[in-house]
Amino acid sequence: MRPKTIIAGILIVVGIVVLAYSGITYKTRGKPVDIGPLHVETTKSHFIPPVVGAVALVGGIMLLVLDTRKA
């Protein structure tokens, strides 16, 4: 398989997943905070909006269509 086809497939799958869940929220670890005897782990939430999924889906389809036309 060619790299363009693989990238197109990945974009299509990611686009479908993000659209199916109406956006994805994921958490990353932040800085740990030490306040006296307390030790608190912080997290940061990141939201991937559905628009990004739509763009990824359309981009993957376009990449796949343009790749098959040249072949």
PDB file of N, CA and C in Angstrom:
ATOM      1  N   MET A   1       0.839  -1.186   0.000  1.00  0.00           N
ATOM      2  CA  MET A   1       0.000   0.000   0.000  1.00  0.00           C
ATOM      3  C   MET A   1       0.884   1.250   0.000  1.00  0.00           C
ATOM      4  N   ARG A   2       0.352   2.268  -0.612  1.00  0.00           N
ATOM      5  CA  ARG A   2       1.079   3.515  -0.671  1.00  0.00           C
ATOM      6  C   ARG A   2       0.805   4.352   0.573  1.00  0.00           C
ATOM      7  N   PRO A   3       1.744   5.214   0.936  1.00  0.00           N
ATOM      8  CA  PRO A   3       1.562   6.045   2.132  1.00  0.00           C
ATOM      9  C   PRO A   3       0.321   6.937   2.064  1.00  0.00           C
ATOM     10  N   LYS A   4      -0.009   7.456   0.882  1.00  0.00           N
ATOM     11  CA  LYS A   4      -1.196   8.314   0.763  1.00  0.00           C
ATOM     12  C   LYS A   4      -2.469   7.548   1.092  1.00  0.00           C
ATOM     13  N   THR A   5      -2.535   6.299   0.675  1.00  0.00           N
ATOM     14  CA  THR A   5      -3.708   5.485   0.952  1.00  0.00           C
ATOM     15  C   THR A   5      -3.835   5.201   2.445  1.00  0.00           C
ATOM     16  N   ILE A   6      -2.726   4.937   3.098  1.00  0.00           N
ATOM     17  CA  ILE A   6      -2.738   4.681   4.538  1.00  0.00           C
ATOM     18  C   ILE A   6      -3.166   5.926   5.300  1.00  0.00           C
ATOM     19  N   ILE A   7      -2.617   7.078   4.938  1.00  0.00           N
ATOM     20  CA  ILE A   7      -2.975   8.339   5.600  1.00  0.00           C
ATOM     21  C   ILE A   7      -4.451   8.654   5.374  1.00  0.00           C
ATOM     22  N   ALA A   8      -4.933   8.407   4.150  1.00  0.00           N
ATOM     23  CA  ALA A   8      -6.345   8.650   3.851  1.00  0.00           C
ATOM     24  C   ALA A   8      -7.236   7.761   4.705  1.00  0.00           C
ATOM     25  N   GLY A   9      -6.870   6.511   4.864  1.00  0.00           N
ATOM     26  CA  GLY A   9      -7.639   5.591   5.693  1.00  0.00           C
ATOM     27  C   GLY A   9      -7.657   6.016   7.154  1.00  0.00           C
ATOM     28  N   ILE A  10      -6.529   6.450   7.658  1.00  0.00           N
ATOM     29  CA  ILE A  10      -6.450   6.917   9.047  1.00  0.00           C
ATOM     30  C   ILE A  10      -7.320   8.152   9.241  1.00  0.00           C
ATOM     31  N   LEU A  11      -7.260   9.103   8.310  1.00  0.00           N
ATOM     32  CA  LEU A  11      -8.082  10.311   8.406  1.00  0.00           C
ATOM     33  C   LEU A  11      -9.572   9.974   8.378  1.00  0.00           C
ATOM     34  N   ILE A  12      -9.960   9.039   7.535  1.00  0.00           N
ATOM     35  CA  ILE A  12     -11.367   8.655   7.450  1.00  0.00           C
ATOM     36  C   ILE A  12     -11.831   8.019   8.756  1.00  0.00           C
ATOM     37  N   VAL A  13     -11.032   7.122   9.313  1.00  0.00           N
ATOM     38  CA  VAL A  13     -11.406   6.461  10.567  1.00  0.00           C
ATOM     39  C   VAL A  13     -11.488   7.465  11.712  1.00  0.00           C
ATOM     40  N   VAL A  14     -10.500   8.350  11.815  1.00  0.00           N
ATOM     41  CA  VAL A  14     -10.514   9.366  12.876  1.00  0.00           C
ATOM     42  C   VAL A  14     -11.717  10.288  12.716  1.00  0.00           C
ATOM     43  N   GLY A  15     -12.011  10.681  11.489  1.00  0.00           N
ATOM     44  CA  GLY A  15     -13.161  11.548  11.238  1.00  0.00           C
ATOM     45  C   GLY A  15     -14.468  10.896  11.640  1.00  0.00           C
ATOM     46  N   ILE A  16     -14.630   9.621  11.318  1.00  0.00           N
ATOM     47  CA  ILE A  16     -15.861   8.907  11.683  1.00  0.00           C
ATOM     48  C   ILE A  16     -15.989   8.774  13.194  1.00  0.00           C
ATOM     49  N   VAL A  17     -14.888   8.464  13.874  1.00  0.00           N
ATOM     50  CA  VAL A  17     -14.927   8.300  15.335  1.00  0.00           C
ATOM     51  C   VAL A  17     -15.287   9.610  16.015  1.00  0.00           C
ATOM     52  N   VAL A  18     -14.661  10.709  15.595  1.00  0.00           N
ATOM     53  CA  VAL A  18     -14.949  12.010  16.216  1.00  0.00           C
ATOM     54  C   VAL A  18     -16.394  12.422  15.948  1.00  0.00           C
ATOM     55  N   LEU A  19     -16.882  12.198  14.751  1.00  0.00           N
ATOM     56  CA  LEU A  19     -18.271  12.542  14.449  1.00  0.00           C
ATOM     57  C   LEU A  19     -19.262  11.640  15.186  1.00  0.00           C
ATOM     58  N   ALA A  20     -18.933  10.374  15.345  1.00  0.00           N
ATOM     59  CA  ALA A  20     -19.840   9.441  16.016  1.00  0.00           C
ATOM     60  C   ALA A  20     -20.021   9.792  17.485  1.00  0.00           C
ATOM     61  N   TYR A  21     -18.980  10.293  18.117  1.00  0.00           N
ATOM     62  CA  TYR A  21     -19.064  10.639  19.534  1.00  0.00           C
ATOM     63  C   TYR A  21     -19.338  12.114  19.762  1.00  0.00           C
ATOM     64  N   SER A  22     -19.659  12.863  18.727  1.00  0.00           N
ATOM     65  CA  SER A  22     -19.930  14.308  18.814  1.00  0.00           C
ATOM     66  C   SER A  22     -18.801  15.042  19.515  1.00  0.00           C
ATOM     67  N   GLY A  23     -17.612  14.727  19.119  1.00  0.00           N
ATOM     68  CA  GLY A  23     -16.436  15.337  19.722  1.00  0.00           C
ATOM     69  C   GLY A  23     -15.850  14.412  20.766  1.00  0.00           C
ATOM     70  N   ILE A  24     -14.577  14.557  21.023  1.00  0.00           N
ATOM     71  CA  ILE A  24     -13.892  13.713  21.994  1.00  0.00           C
ATOM     72  C   ILE A  24     -13.199  14.607  23.017  1.00  0.00           C
ATOM     73  N   THR A  25     -13.353  14.258  24.280  1.00  0.00           N
ATOM     74  CA  THR A  25     -12.643  14.951  25.347  1.00  0.00           C
ATOM     75  C   THR A  25     -11.639  13.979  25.937  1.00  0.00           C
ATOM     76  N   TYR A  26     -10.401  14.403  26.021  1.00  0.00           N
ATOM     77  CA  TYR A  26      -9.397  13.556  26.644  1.00  0.00           C
ATOM     78  C   TYR A  26      -8.624  14.373  27.657  1.00  0.00           C
ATOM     79  N   LYS A  27      -8.048  13.698  28.634  1.00  0.00           N
ATOM     80  CA  LYS A  27      -7.342  14.377  29.715  1.00  0.00           C
ATOM     81  C   LYS A  27      -5.863  14.052  29.657  1.00  0.00           C
ATOM     82  N   THR A  28      -5.056  15.051  29.979  1.00  0.00           N
ATOM     83  CA  THR A  28      -3.623  14.855  30.097  1.00  0.00           C
ATOM     84  C   THR A  28      -3.194  15.257  31.498  1.00  0.00           C
ATOM     85  N   ARG A  29      -2.093  14.704  31.924  1.00  0.00           N
ATOM     86  CA  ARG A  29      -1.591  15.035  33.243  1.00  0.00           C
ATOM     87  C   ARG A  29      -0.949  16.407  33.229  1.00  0.00           C
ATOM     88  N   GLY A  30      -1.275  17.179  34.238  1.00  0.00           N
ATOM     89  CA  GLY A  30      -0.673  18.489  34.395  1.00  0.00           C
ATOM     90  C   GLY A  30       0.424  18.426  35.438  1.00  0.00           C
ATOM     91  N   LYS A  31       0.790  19.565  35.976  1.00  0.00           N
ATOM     92  CA  LYS A  31       1.813  19.615  37.011  1.00  0.00           C
ATOM     93  C   LYS A  31       1.227  19.162  38.348  1.00  0.00           C
ATOM     94  N   PRO A  32       1.985  18.349  39.086  1.00  0.00           N
ATOM     95  CA  PRO A  32       1.533  18.030  40.438  1.00  0.00           C
ATOM     96  C   PRO A  32       1.719  19.243  41.348  1.00  0.00           C
ATOM     97  N   VAL A  33       0.768  19.434  42.253  1.00  0.00           N
ATOM     98  CA  VAL A  33       0.805  20.585  43.143  1.00  0.00           C
ATOM     99  C   VAL A  33       0.998  20.086  44.573  1.00  0.00           C
ATOM    100  N   ASP A  34       2.013  20.604  45.234  1.00  0.00           N
ATOM    101  CA  ASP A  34       2.257  20.274  46.629  1.00  0.00           C
ATOM    102  C   ASP A  34       1.916  21.473  47.488  1.00  0.00           C
ATOM    103  N   ILE A  35       0.889  21.316  48.336  1.00  0.00           N
ATOM    104  CA  ILE A  35       0.490  22.379  49.252  1.00  0.00           C
ATOM    105  C   ILE A  35       0.627  21.805  50.661  1.00  0.00           C
ATOM    106  N   GLY A  36       1.757  22.075  51.280  1.00  0.00           N
ATOM    107  CA  GLY A  36       2.002  21.519  52.611  1.00  0.00           C
ATOM    108  C   GLY A  36       1.997  20.001  52.536  1.00  0.00           C
ATOM    109  N   PRO A  37       1.182  19.347  53.358  1.00  0.00           N
ATOM    110  CA  PRO A  37       1.146  17.878  53.345  1.00  0.00           C
ATOM    111  C   PRO A  37       0.286  17.308  52.211  1.00  0.00           C
ATOM    112  N   LEU A  38      -0.423  18.162  51.492  1.00  0.00           N
ATOM    113  CA  LEU A  38      -1.284  17.687  50.409  1.00  0.00           C
ATOM    114  C   LEU A  38      -0.509  17.560  49.104  1.00  0.00           C
ATOM    115  N   HIS A  39      -0.779  16.507  48.390  1.00  0.00           N
ATOM    116  CA  HIS A  39      -0.202  16.302  47.064  1.00  0.00           C
ATOM    117  C   HIS A  39      -1.370  16.111  46.099  1.00  0.00           C
ATOM    118  N   VAL A  40      -1.552  17.039  45.175  1.00  0.00           N
ATOM    119  CA  VAL A  40      -2.690  17.014  44.253  1.00  0.00           C
ATOM    120  C   VAL A  40      -2.178  16.861  42.831  1.00  0.00           C
ATOM    121  N   GLU A  41      -2.723  15.857  42.123  1.00  0.00           N
ATOM    122  CA  GLU A  41      -2.422  15.685  40.697  1.00  0.00           C
ATOM    123  C   GLU A  41      -3.430  16.495  39.905  1.00  0.00           C
ATOM    124  N   THR A  42      -2.975  17.300  38.988  1.00  0.00           N
ATOM    125  CA  THR A  42      -3.881  18.087  38.169  1.00  0.00           C
ATOM    126  C   THR A  42      -4.031  17.426  36.802  1.00  0.00           C
ATOM    127  N   THR A  43      -5.171  17.656  36.185  1.00  0.00           N
ATOM    128  CA  THR A  43      -5.405  17.167  34.829  1.00  0.00           C
ATOM    129  C   THR A  43      -5.939  18.315  33.986  1.00  0.00           C
ATOM    130  N   LYS A  44      -5.646  18.242  32.714  1.00  0.00           N
ATOM    131  CA  LYS A  44      -6.164  19.220  31.764  1.00  0.00           C
ATOM    132  C   LYS A  44      -7.049  18.495  30.771  1.00  0.00           C
ATOM    133  N   SER A  45      -8.224  19.051  30.520  1.00  0.00           N
ATOM    134  CA  SER A  45      -9.138  18.459  29.557  1.00  0.00           C
ATOM    135  C   SER A  45      -8.996  19.161  28.211  1.00  0.00           C
ATOM    136  N   HIS A  46      -8.988  18.360  27.165  1.00  0.00           N
ATOM    137  CA  HIS A  46      -8.896  18.885  25.807  1.00  0.00           C
ATOM    138  C   HIS A  46     -10.088  18.352  25.029  1.00  0.00           C
ATOM    139  N   PHE A  47     -10.746  19.224  24.265  1.00  0.00           N
ATOM    140  CA  PHE A  47     -11.929  18.844  23.507  1.00  0.00           C
ATOM    141  C   PHE A  47     -11.635  18.942  22.018  1.00  0.00           C
ATOM    142  N   ILE A  48     -11.930  17.876  21.298  1.00  0.00           N
ATOM    143  CA  ILE A  48     -11.802  17.881  19.839  1.00  0.00           C
ATOM    144  C   ILE A  48     -13.215  18.059  19.279  1.00  0.00           C
ATOM    145  N   PRO A  49     -13.508  19.212  18.681  1.00  0.00           N
ATOM    146  CA  PRO A  49     -14.868  19.464  18.195  1.00  0.00           C
ATOM    147  C   PRO A  49     -15.215  18.613  16.969  1.00  0.00           C
ATOM    148  N   PRO A  50     -16.509  18.396  16.749  1.00  0.00           N
ATOM    149  CA  PRO A  50     -16.945  17.601  15.602  1.00  0.00           C
ATOM    150  C   PRO A  50     -16.524  18.191  14.255  1.00  0.00           C
ATOM    151  N   VAL A  51     -16.309  19.490  14.201  1.00  0.00           N
ATOM    152  CA  VAL A  51     -15.884  20.121  12.943  1.00  0.00           C
ATOM    153  C   VAL A  51     -14.535  19.555  12.501  1.00  0.00           C
ATOM    154  N   VAL A  52     -13.663  19.300  13.453  1.00  0.00           N
ATOM    155  CA  VAL A  52     -12.356  18.711  13.126  1.00  0.00           C
ATOM    156  C   VAL A  52     -12.548  17.311  12.548  1.00  0.00           C
ATOM    157  N   GLY A  53     -13.500  16.563  13.088  1.00  0.00           N
ATOM    158  CA  GLY A  53     -13.799  15.239  12.545  1.00  0.00           C
ATOM    159  C   GLY A  53     -14.321  15.311  11.128  1.00  0.00           C
ATOM    160  N   ALA A  54     -15.183  16.288  10.867  1.00  0.00           N
ATOM    161  CA  ALA A  54     -15.717  16.458   9.516  1.00  0.00           C
ATOM    162  C   ALA A  54     -14.610  16.821   8.532  1.00  0.00           C
ATOM    163  N   VAL A  55     -13.719  17.707   8.946  1.00  0.00           N
ATOM    164  CA  VAL A  55     -12.600  18.108   8.072  1.00  0.00           C
ATOM    165  C   VAL A  55     -11.686  16.910   7.807  1.00  0.00           C
ATOM    166  N   ALA A  56     -11.410  16.110   8.844  1.00  0.00           N
ATOM    167  CA  ALA A  56     -10.565  14.926   8.667  1.00  0.00           C
ATOM    168  C   ALA A  56     -11.222  13.923   7.722  1.00  0.00           C
ATOM    169  N   LEU A  57     -12.532  13.730   7.873  1.00  0.00           N
ATOM    170  CA  LEU A  57     -13.256  12.795   7.013  1.00  0.00           C
ATOM    171  C   LEU A  57     -13.233  13.248   5.557  1.00  0.00           C
ATOM    172  N   VAL A  58     -13.550  14.500   5.322  1.00  0.00           N
ATOM    173  CA  VAL A  58     -13.545  15.034   3.949  1.00  0.00           C
ATOM    174  C   VAL A  58     -12.129  15.014   3.374  1.00  0.00           C
ATOM    175  N   GLY A  59     -11.152  15.374   4.178  1.00  0.00           N
ATOM    176  CA  GLY A  59      -9.764  15.359   3.713  1.00  0.00           C
ATOM    177  C   GLY A  59      -9.310  13.957   3.347  1.00  0.00           C
ATOM    178  N   GLY A  60      -9.687  12.970   4.155  1.00  0.00           N
ATOM    179  CA  GLY A  60      -9.321  11.587   3.849  1.00  0.00           C
ATOM    180  C   GLY A  60      -9.982  11.086   2.577  1.00  0.00           C
ATOM    181  N   ILE A  61     -11.248  11.433   2.403  1.00  0.00           N
ATOM    182  CA  ILE A  61     -11.949  11.019   1.180  1.00  0.00           C
ATOM    183  C   ILE A  61     -11.331  11.685  -0.048  1.00  0.00           C
ATOM    184  N   MET A  62     -11.045  12.972   0.064  1.00  0.00           N
ATOM    185  CA  MET A  62     -10.427  13.681  -1.065  1.00  0.00           C
ATOM    186  C   MET A  62      -9.056  13.091  -1.398  1.00  0.00           C
ATOM    187  N   LEU A  63      -8.269  12.796  -0.379  1.00  0.00           N
ATOM    188  CA  LEU A  63      -6.954  12.216  -0.595  1.00  0.00           C
ATOM    189  C   LEU A  63      -7.060  10.853  -1.260  1.00  0.00           C
ATOM    190  N   LEU A  64      -8.045  10.078  -0.853  1.00  0.00           N
ATOM    191  CA  LEU A  64      -8.244   8.741  -1.434  1.00  0.00           C
ATOM    192  C   LEU A  64      -8.711   8.849  -2.892  1.00  0.00           C
ATOM    193  N   VAL A  65      -9.637   9.779  -3.176  1.00  0.00           N
ATOM    194  CA  VAL A  65     -10.145   9.946  -4.533  1.00  0.00           C
ATOM    195  C   VAL A  65      -9.037  10.471  -5.463  1.00  0.00           C
ATOM    196  N   LEU A  66      -8.289  11.449  -4.982  1.00  0.00           N
ATOM    197  CA  LEU A  66      -7.221  11.992  -5.820  1.00  0.00           C
ATOM    198  C   LEU A  66      -6.123  10.973  -6.045  1.00  0.00           C
ATOM    199  N   ASP A  67      -5.878  10.096  -5.070  1.00  0.00           N
ATOM    200  CA  ASP A  67      -4.851   9.079  -5.212  1.00  0.00           C
ATOM    201  C   ASP A  67      -5.269   8.014  -6.233  1.00  0.00           C
ATOM    202  N   THR A  68      -6.555   7.659  -6.260  1.00  0.00           N
ATOM    203  CA  THR A  68      -6.996   6.632  -7.207  1.00  0.00           C
ATOM    204  C   THR A  68      -7.110   7.182  -8.627  1.00  0.00           C
ATOM    205  N   ARG A  69      -7.333   8.469  -8.775  1.00  0.00           N
ATOM    206  CA  ARG A  69      -7.404   9.058 -10.136  1.00  0.00           C
ATOM    207  C   ARG A  69      -6.047   9.017 -10.818  1.00  0.00           C
ATOM    208  N   LYS A  70      -4.969   9.248 -10.068  1.00  0.00           N
ATOM    209  CA  LYS A  70      -3.639   9.277 -10.667  1.00  0.00           C
ATOM    210  C   LYS A  70      -3.131   7.870 -10.977  1.00  0.00           C
ATOM    211  N   ALA A  71      -3.664   6.863 -10.293  1.00  0.00           N
ATOM    212  CA  ALA A  71      -3.169   5.494 -10.491  1.00  0.00           C
ATOM    213  C   ALA A  71      -3.643   4.888 -11.790  1.00  0.00           C
TER     214      ALA A  71
END
